[in-house]
């Protein structure tokens, strides 16, 4: 059985186009439901978090170091530090944790 890559590409293009075009054609008036508006507002943030979270834990040599870096980033962000300070703090936490775990 031979597979044609062009069929796969066309199906993926049709599905992608359909997902983007159907809401534009089916929903023509403003959405007034507060629950649906709130849901649609947070979808991009949730999607980004779901894609990023596993990478945070598995990007280091140990999950403990990744979790510690995540915790440091959350604490620094909660304290309203700048993005640069949060990134540097998370990197420093991971570096120190891996230095202790793997060079002892």
PDB file of N, CA and C in Angstrom:
ATOM      1  N   UNK A   1       0.838  -1.172   0.000  1.00  0.00           N
ATOM      2  CA  UNK A   1       0.000   0.000   0.000  1.00  0.00           C
ATOM      3  C   UNK A   1       0.891   1.245   0.000  1.00  0.00           C
ATOM      4  N   UNK A   2       0.732   2.066  -0.996  1.00  0.00           N
ATOM      5  CA  UNK A   2       1.573   3.252  -1.153  1.00  0.00           C
ATOM      6  C   UNK A   2       0.841   4.478  -0.609  1.00  0.00           C
ATOM      7  N   UNK A   3       1.557   5.299   0.144  1.00  0.00           N
ATOM      8  CA  UNK A   3       0.976   6.506   0.721  1.00  0.00           C
ATOM      9  C   UNK A   3       1.415   7.708  -0.091  1.00  0.00           C
ATOM     10  N   UNK A   4       0.465   8.582  -0.363  1.00  0.00           N
ATOM     11  CA  UNK A   4       0.758   9.790  -1.108  1.00  0.00           C
ATOM     12  C   UNK A   4       0.801  10.967  -0.131  1.00  0.00           C
ATOM     13  N   UNK A   5       1.937  11.628  -0.057  1.00  0.00           N
ATOM     14  CA  UNK A   5       2.106  12.729   0.883  1.00  0.00           C
ATOM     15  C   UNK A   5       1.192  13.901   0.549  1.00  0.00           C
ATOM     16  N   UNK A   6       0.855  14.086  -0.715  1.00  0.00           N
ATOM     17  CA  UNK A   6      -0.005  15.205  -1.111  1.00  0.00           C
ATOM     18  C   UNK A   6      -1.403  15.073  -0.521  1.00  0.00           C
ATOM     19  N   UNK A   7      -1.887  13.854  -0.374  1.00  0.00           N
ATOM     20  CA  UNK A   7      -3.204  13.648   0.240  1.00  0.00           C
ATOM     21  C   UNK A   7      -3.173  14.079   1.702  1.00  0.00           C
ATOM     22  N   UNK A   8      -2.110  13.717   2.403  1.00  0.00           N
ATOM     23  CA  UNK A   8      -1.968  14.127   3.798  1.00  0.00           C
ATOM     24  C   UNK A   8      -1.919  15.648   3.924  1.00  0.00           C
ATOM     25  N   UNK A   9      -1.164  16.278   3.047  1.00  0.00           N
ATOM     26  CA  UNK A   9      -1.036  17.738   3.084  1.00  0.00           C
ATOM     27  C   UNK A   9      -2.379  18.397   2.796  1.00  0.00           C
ATOM     28  N   UNK A  10      -3.106  17.909   1.826  1.00  0.00           N
ATOM     29  CA  UNK A  10      -4.410  18.485   1.501  1.00  0.00           C
ATOM     30  C   UNK A  10      -5.411  18.307   2.640  1.00  0.00           C
ATOM     31  N   UNK A  11      -5.411  17.146   3.280  1.00  0.00           N
ATOM     32  CA  UNK A  11      -6.317  16.920   4.410  1.00  0.00           C
ATOM     33  C   UNK A  11      -5.964  17.849   5.563  1.00  0.00           C
ATOM     34  N   UNK A  12      -4.678  17.990   5.873  1.00  0.00           N
ATOM     35  CA  UNK A  12      -4.263  18.890   6.949  1.00  0.00           C
ATOM     36  C   UNK A  12      -4.631  20.332   6.625  1.00  0.00           C
ATOM     37  N   UNK A  13      -4.461  20.744   5.375  1.00  0.00           N
ATOM     38  CA  UNK A  13      -4.822  22.102   4.978  1.00  0.00           C
ATOM     39  C   UNK A  13      -6.324  22.331   5.111  1.00  0.00           C
ATOM     40  N   UNK A  14      -7.129  21.343   4.696  1.00  0.00           N
ATOM     41  CA  UNK A  14      -8.583  21.474   4.789  1.00  0.00           C
ATOM     42  C   UNK A  14      -9.035  21.562   6.249  1.00  0.00           C
ATOM     43  N   UNK A  15      -8.462  20.742   7.102  1.00  0.00           N
ATOM     44  CA  UNK A  15      -8.829  20.771   8.521  1.00  0.00           C
ATOM     45  C   UNK A  15      -8.428  22.105   9.151  1.00  0.00           C
ATOM     46  N   UNK A  16      -7.226  22.571   8.868  1.00  0.00           N
ATOM     47  CA  UNK A  16      -6.755  23.840   9.415  1.00  0.00           C
ATOM     48  C   UNK A  16      -7.626  24.992   8.930  1.00  0.00           C
ATOM     49  N   UNK A  17      -7.931  25.000   7.647  1.00  0.00           N
ATOM     50  CA  UNK A  17      -8.778  26.052   7.095  1.00  0.00           C
ATOM     51  C   UNK A  17     -10.181  25.981   7.691  1.00  0.00           C
ATOM     52  N   UNK A  18     -10.703  24.786   7.831  1.00  0.00           N
ATOM     53  CA  UNK A  18     -12.034  24.619   8.391  1.00  0.00           C
ATOM     54  C   UNK A  18     -12.131  25.122   9.823  1.00  0.00           C
ATOM     55  N   UNK A  19     -11.130  24.827  10.621  1.00  0.00           N
ATOM     56  CA  UNK A  19     -11.121  25.268  12.014  1.00  0.00           C
ATOM     57  C   UNK A  19     -11.104  26.788  12.096  1.00  0.00           C
ATOM     58  N   UNK A  20     -10.413  27.437  11.170  1.00  0.00           N
ATOM     59  CA  UNK A  20     -10.321  28.894  11.204  1.00  0.00           C
ATOM     60  C   UNK A  20     -11.492  29.578  10.502  1.00  0.00           C
ATOM     61  N   UNK A  21     -12.038  28.958   9.479  1.00  0.00           N
ATOM     62  CA  UNK A  21     -13.075  29.610   8.683  1.00  0.00           C
ATOM     63  C   UNK A  21     -14.478  29.398   9.238  1.00  0.00           C
ATOM     64  N   UNK A  22     -14.744  28.252   9.838  1.00  0.00           N
ATOM     65  CA  UNK A  22     -16.090  27.975  10.341  1.00  0.00           C
ATOM     66  C   UNK A  22     -16.574  28.985  11.383  1.00  0.00           C
ATOM     67  N   UNK A  23     -15.779  29.337  12.370  1.00  0.00           N
ATOM     68  CA  UNK A  23     -16.272  30.349  13.322  1.00  0.00           C
ATOM     69  C   UNK A  23     -16.590  31.692  12.650  1.00  0.00           C
ATOM     70  N   UNK A  24     -15.800  32.061  11.647  1.00  0.00           N
ATOM     71  CA  UNK A  24     -16.065  33.324  10.965  1.00  0.00           C
ATOM     72  C   UNK A  24     -17.362  33.291  10.180  1.00  0.00           C
ATOM     73  N   UNK A  25     -17.711  32.156   9.632  1.00  0.00           N
ATOM     74  CA  UNK A  25     -18.922  32.065   8.825  1.00  0.00           C
ATOM     75  C   UNK A  25     -20.158  31.752   9.662  1.00  0.00           C
ATOM     76  N   UNK A  26     -20.009  31.029  10.766  1.00  0.00           N
ATOM     77  CA  UNK A  26     -21.163  30.635  11.565  1.00  0.00           C
ATOM     78  C   UNK A  26     -21.546  31.668  12.628  1.00  0.00           C
ATOM     79  N   UNK A  27     -20.560  32.375  13.153  1.00  0.00           N
ATOM     80  CA  UNK A  27     -20.819  33.355  14.211  1.00  0.00           C
ATOM     81  C   UNK A  27     -20.600  34.742  13.620  1.00  0.00           C
ATOM     82  N   UNK A  28     -21.690  35.415  13.311  1.00  0.00           N
ATOM     83  CA  UNK A  28     -21.574  36.719  12.645  1.00  0.00           C
ATOM     84  C   UNK A  28     -21.825  37.889  13.582  1.00  0.00           C
ATOM     85  N   UNK A  29     -22.465  37.656  14.723  1.00  0.00           N
ATOM     86  CA  UNK A  29     -22.721  38.759  15.631  1.00  0.00           C
ATOM     87  C   UNK A  29     -21.817  38.643  16.861  1.00  0.00           C
ATOM     88  N   UNK A  30     -21.762  39.716  17.621  1.00  0.00           N
ATOM     89  CA  UNK A  30     -20.895  39.757  18.795  1.00  0.00           C
ATOM     90  C   UNK A  30     -21.377  38.748  19.848  1.00  0.00           C
ATOM     91  N   UNK A  31     -20.422  38.075  20.488  1.00  0.00           N
ATOM     92  CA  UNK A  31     -20.745  37.114  21.541  1.00  0.00           C
ATOM     93  C   UNK A  31     -20.986  37.898  22.826  1.00  0.00           C
ATOM     94  N   UNK A  32     -22.193  37.776  23.385  1.00  0.00           N
ATOM     95  CA  UNK A  32     -22.554  38.547  24.576  1.00  0.00           C
ATOM     96  C   UNK A  32     -22.546  37.715  25.849  1.00  0.00           C
ATOM     97  N   UNK A  33     -22.462  36.397  25.719  1.00  0.00           N
ATOM     98  CA  UNK A  33     -22.434  35.519  26.881  1.00  0.00           C
ATOM     99  C   UNK A  33     -21.109  35.704  27.615  1.00  0.00           C
ATOM    100  N   UNK A  34     -21.181  36.070  28.877  1.00  0.00           N
ATOM    101  CA  UNK A  34     -19.983  36.373  29.668  1.00  0.00           C
ATOM    102  C   UNK A  34     -19.105  35.136  29.837  1.00  0.00           C
ATOM    103  N   UNK A  35     -19.717  33.991  30.037  1.00  0.00           N
ATOM    104  CA  UNK A  35     -18.954  32.754  30.243  1.00  0.00           C
ATOM    105  C   UNK A  35     -18.168  32.385  28.985  1.00  0.00           C
ATOM    106  N   UNK A  36     -18.794  32.460  27.844  1.00  0.00           N
ATOM    107  CA  UNK A  36     -18.106  32.123  26.589  1.00  0.00           C
ATOM    108  C   UNK A  36     -17.019  33.139  26.285  1.00  0.00           C
ATOM    109  N   UNK A  37     -17.285  34.411  26.526  1.00  0.00           N
ATOM    110  CA  UNK A  37     -16.261  35.441  26.293  1.00  0.00           C
ATOM    111  C   UNK A  37     -15.046  35.220  27.201  1.00  0.00           C
ATOM    112  N   UNK A  38     -15.311  34.900  28.462  1.00  0.00           N
ATOM    113  CA  UNK A  38     -14.226  34.642  29.406  1.00  0.00           C
ATOM    114  C   UNK A  38     -13.431  33.417  28.972  1.00  0.00           C
ATOM    115  N   UNK A  39     -14.131  32.366  28.559  1.00  0.00           N
ATOM    116  CA  UNK A  39     -13.460  31.152  28.083  1.00  0.00           C
ATOM    117  C   UNK A  39     -12.567  31.463  26.881  1.00  0.00           C
ATOM    118  N   UNK A  40     -13.084  32.181  25.913  1.00  0.00           N
ATOM    119  CA  UNK A  40     -12.303  32.512  24.713  1.00  0.00           C
ATOM    120  C   UNK A  40     -11.142  33.453  25.024  1.00  0.00           C
ATOM    121  N   UNK A  41     -11.287  34.283  26.053  1.00  0.00           N
ATOM    122  CA  UNK A  41     -10.211  35.188  26.436  1.00  0.00           C
ATOM    123  C   UNK A  41      -9.010  34.417  26.980  1.00  0.00           C
ATOM    124  N   UNK A  42      -9.271  33.365  27.768  1.00  0.00           N
ATOM    125  CA  UNK A  42      -8.183  32.641  28.426  1.00  0.00           C
ATOM    126  C   UNK A  42      -7.625  31.471  27.620  1.00  0.00           C
ATOM    127  N   UNK A  43      -8.224  31.100  26.518  1.00  0.00           N
ATOM    128  CA  UNK A  43      -7.754  29.955  25.723  1.00  0.00           C
ATOM    129  C   UNK A  43      -6.285  30.102  25.290  1.00  0.00           C
ATOM    130  N   UNK A  44      -5.848  31.249  24.765  1.00  0.00           N
ATOM    131  CA  UNK A  44      -4.423  31.329  24.361  1.00  0.00           C
ATOM    132  C   UNK A  44      -3.449  31.145  25.523  1.00  0.00           C
ATOM    133  N   UNK A  45      -3.781  31.689  26.699  1.00  0.00           N
ATOM    134  CA  UNK A  45      -2.894  31.568  27.853  1.00  0.00           C
ATOM    135  C   UNK A  45      -2.819  30.124  28.346  1.00  0.00           C
ATOM    136  N   UNK A  46      -3.944  29.465  28.387  1.00  0.00           N
ATOM    137  CA  UNK A  46      -3.981  28.068  28.832  1.00  0.00           C
ATOM    138  C   UNK A  46      -3.231  27.178  27.849  1.00  0.00           C
ATOM    139  N   UNK A  47      -3.428  27.417  26.559  1.00  0.00           N
ATOM    140  CA  UNK A  47      -2.726  26.628  25.547  1.00  0.00           C
ATOM    141  C   UNK A  47      -1.222  26.795  25.673  1.00  0.00           C
ATOM    142  N   UNK A  48      -0.761  28.028  25.850  1.00  0.00           N
ATOM    143  CA  UNK A  48       0.669  28.269  26.022  1.00  0.00           C
ATOM    144  C   UNK A  48       1.199  27.576  27.269  1.00  0.00           C
ATOM    145  N   UNK A  49       0.461  27.643  28.361  1.00  0.00           N
ATOM    146  CA  UNK A  49       0.891  27.001  29.603  1.00  0.00           C
ATOM    147  C   UNK A  49       0.959  25.488  29.457  1.00  0.00           C
ATOM    148  N   UNK A  50      -0.030  24.906  28.796  1.00  0.00           N
ATOM    149  CA  UNK A  50      -0.050  23.450  28.621  1.00  0.00           C
ATOM    150  C   UNK A  50       1.099  22.981  27.742  1.00  0.00           C
ATOM    151  N   UNK A  51       1.471  23.772  26.757  1.00  0.00           N
ATOM    152  CA  UNK A  51       2.592  23.379  25.891  1.00  0.00           C
ATOM    153  C   UNK A  51       3.939  23.618  26.560  1.00  0.00           C
ATOM    154  N   UNK A  52       4.022  24.615  27.432  1.00  0.00           N
ATOM    155  CA  UNK A  52       5.298  24.987  28.042  1.00  0.00           C
ATOM    156  C   UNK A  52       5.624  24.171  29.281  1.00  0.00           C
ATOM    157  N   UNK A  53       4.627  23.839  30.089  1.00  0.00           N
ATOM    158  CA  UNK A  53       4.878  23.197  31.386  1.00  0.00           C
ATOM    159  C   UNK A  53       5.682  21.904  31.299  1.00  0.00           C
ATOM    160  N   UNK A  54       5.351  20.955  30.421  1.00  0.00           N
ATOM    161  CA  UNK A  54       6.167  19.741  30.358  1.00  0.00           C
ATOM    162  C   UNK A  54       7.615  20.019  29.946  1.00  0.00           C
ATOM    163  N   UNK A  55       7.805  21.001  29.075  1.00  0.00           N
ATOM    164  CA  UNK A  55       9.160  21.334  28.628  1.00  0.00           C
ATOM    165  C   UNK A  55       9.985  21.917  29.772  1.00  0.00           C
ATOM    166  N   UNK A  56       9.342  22.638  30.665  1.00  0.00           N
ATOM    167  CA  UNK A  56      10.061  23.214  31.809  1.00  0.00           C
ATOM    168  C   UNK A  56      10.644  22.106  32.679  1.00  0.00           C
ATOM    169  N   UNK A  57       9.865  21.076  32.922  1.00  0.00           N
ATOM    170  CA  UNK A  57      10.318  20.009  33.816  1.00  0.00           C
ATOM    171  C   UNK A  57      11.324  19.063  33.154  1.00  0.00           C
ATOM    172  N   UNK A  58      11.254  18.902  31.849  1.00  0.00           N
ATOM    173  CA  UNK A  58      12.122  17.926  31.178  1.00  0.00           C
ATOM    174  C   UNK A  58      13.322  18.554  30.476  1.00  0.00           C
ATOM    175  N   UNK A  59      13.476  19.862  30.546  1.00  0.00           N
ATOM    176  CA  UNK A  59      14.587  20.519  29.849  1.00  0.00           C
ATOM    177  C   UNK A  59      15.904  20.416  30.623  1.00  0.00           C
ATOM    178  N   UNK A  60      15.841  20.005  31.863  1.00  0.00           N
ATOM    179  CA  UNK A  60      17.042  19.912  32.696  1.00  0.00           C
ATOM    180  C   UNK A  60      17.439  18.453  32.873  1.00  0.00           C
ATOM    181  N   UNK A  61      18.551  18.233  33.564  1.00  0.00           N
ATOM    182  CA  UNK A  61      19.016  16.863  33.776  1.00  0.00           C
ATOM    183  C   UNK A  61      18.137  16.121  34.773  1.00  0.00           C
ATOM    184  N   UNK A  62      17.480  16.844  35.659  1.00  0.00           N
ATOM    185  CA  UNK A  62      16.581  16.191  36.612  1.00  0.00           C
ATOM    186  C   UNK A  62      15.293  17.003  36.718  1.00  0.00           C
ATOM    187  N   UNK A  63      14.205  16.312  36.996  1.00  0.00           N
ATOM    188  CA  UNK A  63      12.926  17.011  37.149  1.00  0.00           C
ATOM    189  C   UNK A  63      12.926  17.906  38.383  1.00  0.00           C
ATOM    190  N   UNK A  64      13.705  17.537  39.377  1.00  0.00           N
ATOM    191  CA  UNK A  64      13.789  18.351  40.584  1.00  0.00           C
ATOM    192  C   UNK A  64      14.341  19.734  40.262  1.00  0.00           C
ATOM    193  N   UNK A  65      15.373  19.797  39.440  1.00  0.00           N
ATOM    194  CA  UNK A  65      15.952  21.084  39.056  1.00  0.00           C
ATOM    195  C   UNK A  65      14.944  21.911  38.260  1.00  0.00           C
ATOM    196  N   UNK A  66      14.219  21.273  37.360  1.00  0.00           N
ATOM    197  CA  UNK A  66      13.197  21.980  36.598  1.00  0.00           C
ATOM    198  C   UNK A  66      12.088  22.510  37.488  1.00  0.00           C
ATOM    199  N   UNK A  67      11.657  21.694  38.443  1.00  0.00           N
ATOM    200  CA  UNK A  67      10.611  22.119  39.377  1.00  0.00           C
ATOM    201  C   UNK A  67      11.089  23.262  40.258  1.00  0.00           C
ATOM    202  N   UNK A  68      12.347  23.201  40.679  1.00  0.00           N
ATOM    203  CA  UNK A  68      12.903  24.278  41.497  1.00  0.00           C
ATOM    204  C   UNK A  68      13.002  25.575  40.695  1.00  0.00           C
ATOM    205  N   UNK A  69      13.416  25.482  39.443  1.00  0.00           N
ATOM    206  CA  UNK A  69      13.463  26.664  38.580  1.00  0.00           C
ATOM    207  C   UNK A  69      12.077  27.245  38.362  1.00  0.00           C
ATOM    208  N   UNK A  70      11.089  26.376  38.162  1.00  0.00           N
ATOM    209  CA  UNK A  70       9.709  26.837  37.997  1.00  0.00           C
ATOM    210  C   UNK A  70       9.230  27.535  39.268  1.00  0.00           C
ATOM    211  N   UNK A  71       9.521  26.947  40.411  1.00  0.00           N
ATOM    212  CA  UNK A  71       9.105  27.553  41.681  1.00  0.00           C
ATOM    213  C   UNK A  71       9.772  28.915  41.885  1.00  0.00           C
ATOM    214  N   UNK A  72      11.051  29.009  41.555  1.00  0.00           N
ATOM    215  CA  UNK A  72      11.749  30.287  41.681  1.00  0.00           C
ATOM    216  C   UNK A  72      11.132  31.332  40.754  1.00  0.00           C
ATOM    217  N   UNK A  73      10.801  30.933  39.538  1.00  0.00           N
ATOM    218  CA  UNK A  73      10.185  31.855  38.582  1.00  0.00           C
ATOM    219  C   UNK A  73       8.817  32.323  39.066  1.00  0.00           C
ATOM    220  N   UNK A  74       8.027  31.403  39.626  1.00  0.00           N
ATOM    221  CA  UNK A  74       6.694  31.770  40.118  1.00  0.00           C
ATOM    222  C   UNK A  74       6.803  32.754  41.286  1.00  0.00           C
ATOM    223  N   UNK A  75       7.726  32.495  42.200  1.00  0.00           N
ATOM    224  CA  UNK A  75       7.902  33.383  43.351  1.00  0.00           C
ATOM    225  C   UNK A  75       8.364  34.765  42.890  1.00  0.00           C
ATOM    226  N   UNK A  76       9.332  34.822  41.987  1.00  0.00           N
ATOM    227  CA  UNK A  76       9.821  36.113  41.511  1.00  0.00           C
ATOM    228  C   UNK A  76       8.751  36.860  40.720  1.00  0.00           C
ATOM    229  N   UNK A  77       7.968  36.143  39.939  1.00  0.00           N
ATOM    230  CA  UNK A  77       6.883  36.789  39.197  1.00  0.00           C
ATOM    231  C   UNK A  77       5.812  37.299  40.160  1.00  0.00           C
ATOM    232  N   UNK A  78       5.531  36.538  41.207  1.00  0.00           N
ATOM    233  CA  UNK A  78       4.558  36.972  42.213  1.00  0.00           C
ATOM    234  C   UNK A  78       5.028  38.243  42.920  1.00  0.00           C
ATOM    235  N   UNK A  79       6.337  38.361  43.095  1.00  0.00           N
ATOM    236  CA  UNK A  79       6.904  39.557  43.724  1.00  0.00           C
ATOM    237  C   UNK A  79       7.040  40.713  42.732  1.00  0.00           C
ATOM    238  N   UNK A  80       6.501  40.546  41.536  1.00  0.00           N
ATOM    239  CA  UNK A  80       6.461  41.560  40.483  1.00  0.00           C
ATOM    240  C   UNK A  80       7.843  42.004  40.009  1.00  0.00           C
ATOM    241  N   UNK A  81       8.754  41.052  39.883  1.00  0.00           N
ATOM    242  CA  UNK A  81      10.061  41.345  39.305  1.00  0.00           C
ATOM    243  C   UNK A  81       9.925  41.415  37.786  1.00  0.00           C
ATOM    244  N   UNK A  82      10.926  41.974  37.135  1.00  0.00           N
ATOM    245  CA  UNK A  82      10.877  42.088  35.676  1.00  0.00           C
ATOM    246  C   UNK A  82      11.071  40.712  35.040  1.00  0.00           C
ATOM    247  N   UNK A  83      10.724  40.613  33.774  1.00  0.00           N
ATOM    248  CA  UNK A  83      10.866  39.344  33.061  1.00  0.00           C
ATOM    249  C   UNK A  83      12.320  38.887  33.048  1.00  0.00           C
ATOM    250  N   UNK A  84      13.245  39.824  32.895  1.00  0.00           N
ATOM    251  CA  UNK A  84      14.666  39.484  32.898  1.00  0.00           C
ATOM    252  C   UNK A  84      15.090  38.913  34.251  1.00  0.00           C
ATOM    253  N   UNK A  85      14.628  39.528  35.330  1.00  0.00           N
ATOM    254  CA  UNK A  85      14.975  39.046  36.669  1.00  0.00           C
ATOM    255  C   UNK A  85      14.367  37.669  36.932  1.00  0.00           C
ATOM    256  N   UNK A  86      13.144  37.450  36.463  1.00  0.00           N
ATOM    257  CA  UNK A  86      12.506  36.145  36.645  1.00  0.00           C
ATOM    258  C   UNK A  86      13.283  35.075  35.885  1.00  0.00           C
ATOM    259  N   UNK A  87      13.667  35.360  34.637  1.00  0.00           N
ATOM    260  CA  UNK A  87      14.415  34.391  33.841  1.00  0.00           C
ATOM    261  C   UNK A  87      15.778  34.106  34.463  1.00  0.00           C
ATOM    262  N   UNK A  88      16.470  35.150  34.891  1.00  0.00           N
ATOM    263  CA  UNK A  88      17.786  34.950  35.521  1.00  0.00           C
ATOM    264  C   UNK A  88      17.665  34.181  36.833  1.00  0.00           C
ATOM    265  N   UNK A  89      16.645  34.474  37.621  1.00  0.00           N
ATOM    266  CA  UNK A  89      16.439  33.759  38.880  1.00  0.00           C
ATOM    267  C   UNK A  89      16.143  32.285  38.665  1.00  0.00           C
ATOM    268  N   UNK A  90      15.312  31.986  37.668  1.00  0.00           N
ATOM    269  CA  UNK A  90      15.002  30.589  37.366  1.00  0.00           C
ATOM    270  C   UNK A  90      16.237  29.861  36.872  1.00  0.00           C
ATOM    271  N   UNK A  91      17.007  30.491  36.006  1.00  0.00           N
ATOM    272  CA  UNK A  91      18.247  29.869  35.503  1.00  0.00           C
ATOM    273  C   UNK A  91      19.241  29.640  36.633  1.00  0.00           C
ATOM    274  N   UNK A  92      19.367  30.608  37.521  1.00  0.00           N
ATOM    275  CA  UNK A  92      20.290  30.465  38.652  1.00  0.00           C
ATOM    276  C   UNK A  92      19.848  29.323  39.575  1.00  0.00           C
ATOM    277  N   UNK A  93      18.549  29.217  39.814  1.00  0.00           N
ATOM    278  CA  UNK A  93      18.044  28.140  40.671  1.00  0.00           C
ATOM    279  C   UNK A  93      18.330  26.775  40.058  1.00  0.00           C
ATOM    280  N   UNK A  94      18.110  26.644  38.761  1.00  0.00           N
ATOM    281  CA  UNK A  94      18.394  25.374  38.079  1.00  0.00           C
ATOM    282  C   UNK A  94      19.891  25.080  38.115  1.00  0.00           C
ATOM    283  N   UNK A  95      20.707  26.088  37.834  1.00  0.00           N
ATOM    284  CA  UNK A  95      22.162  25.896  37.822  1.00  0.00           C
ATOM    285  C   UNK A  95      22.668  25.439  39.186  1.00  0.00           C
ATOM    286  N   UNK A  96      22.238  26.104  40.245  1.00  0.00           N
ATOM    287  CA  UNK A  96      22.691  25.747  41.587  1.00  0.00           C
ATOM    288  C   UNK A  96      22.196  24.353  41.978  1.00  0.00           C
ATOM    289  N   UNK A  97      20.947  24.043  41.652  1.00  0.00           N
ATOM    290  CA  UNK A  97      20.403  22.724  41.977  1.00  0.00           C
ATOM    291  C   UNK A  97      21.166  21.616  41.254  1.00  0.00           C
ATOM    292  N   UNK A  98      21.435  21.808  39.970  1.00  0.00           N
ATOM    293  CA  UNK A  98      22.180  20.771  39.228  1.00  0.00           C
ATOM    294  C   UNK A  98      23.637  20.721  39.665  1.00  0.00           C
ATOM    295  N   UNK A  99      24.189  21.851  40.067  1.00  0.00           N
ATOM    296  CA  UNK A  99      25.557  21.858  40.579  1.00  0.00           C
ATOM    297  C   UNK A  99      25.642  21.023  41.849  1.00  0.00           C
ATOM    298  N   UNK A 100      24.675  21.156  42.710  1.00  0.00           N
ATOM    299  CA  UNK A 100      24.657  20.392  43.964  1.00  0.00           C
ATOM    300  C   UNK A 100      24.361  18.916  43.692  1.00  0.00           C
ATOM    301  N   UNK A 101      23.383  18.618  42.806  1.00  0.00           N
ATOM    302  CA  UNK A 101      22.982  17.243  42.572  1.00  0.00           C
ATOM    303  C   UNK A 101      24.027  16.417  41.818  1.00  0.00           C
ATOM    304  N   UNK A 102      24.674  17.020  40.832  1.00  0.00           N
ATOM    305  CA  UNK A 102      25.526  16.240  39.935  1.00  0.00           C
ATOM    306  C   UNK A 102      27.026  16.435  40.135  1.00  0.00           C
ATOM    307  N   UNK A 103      27.415  17.343  40.999  1.00  0.00           N
ATOM    308  CA  UNK A 103      28.851  17.551  41.232  1.00  0.00           C
ATOM    309  C   UNK A 103      29.222  17.349  42.680  1.00  0.00           C
ATOM    310  N   UNK A 104      28.448  16.534  43.375  1.00  0.00           N
ATOM    311  CA  UNK A 104      28.761  16.265  44.790  1.00  0.00           C
ATOM    312  C   UNK A 104      29.594  15.022  44.923  1.00  0.00           C
TER     313      UNK A 104
END
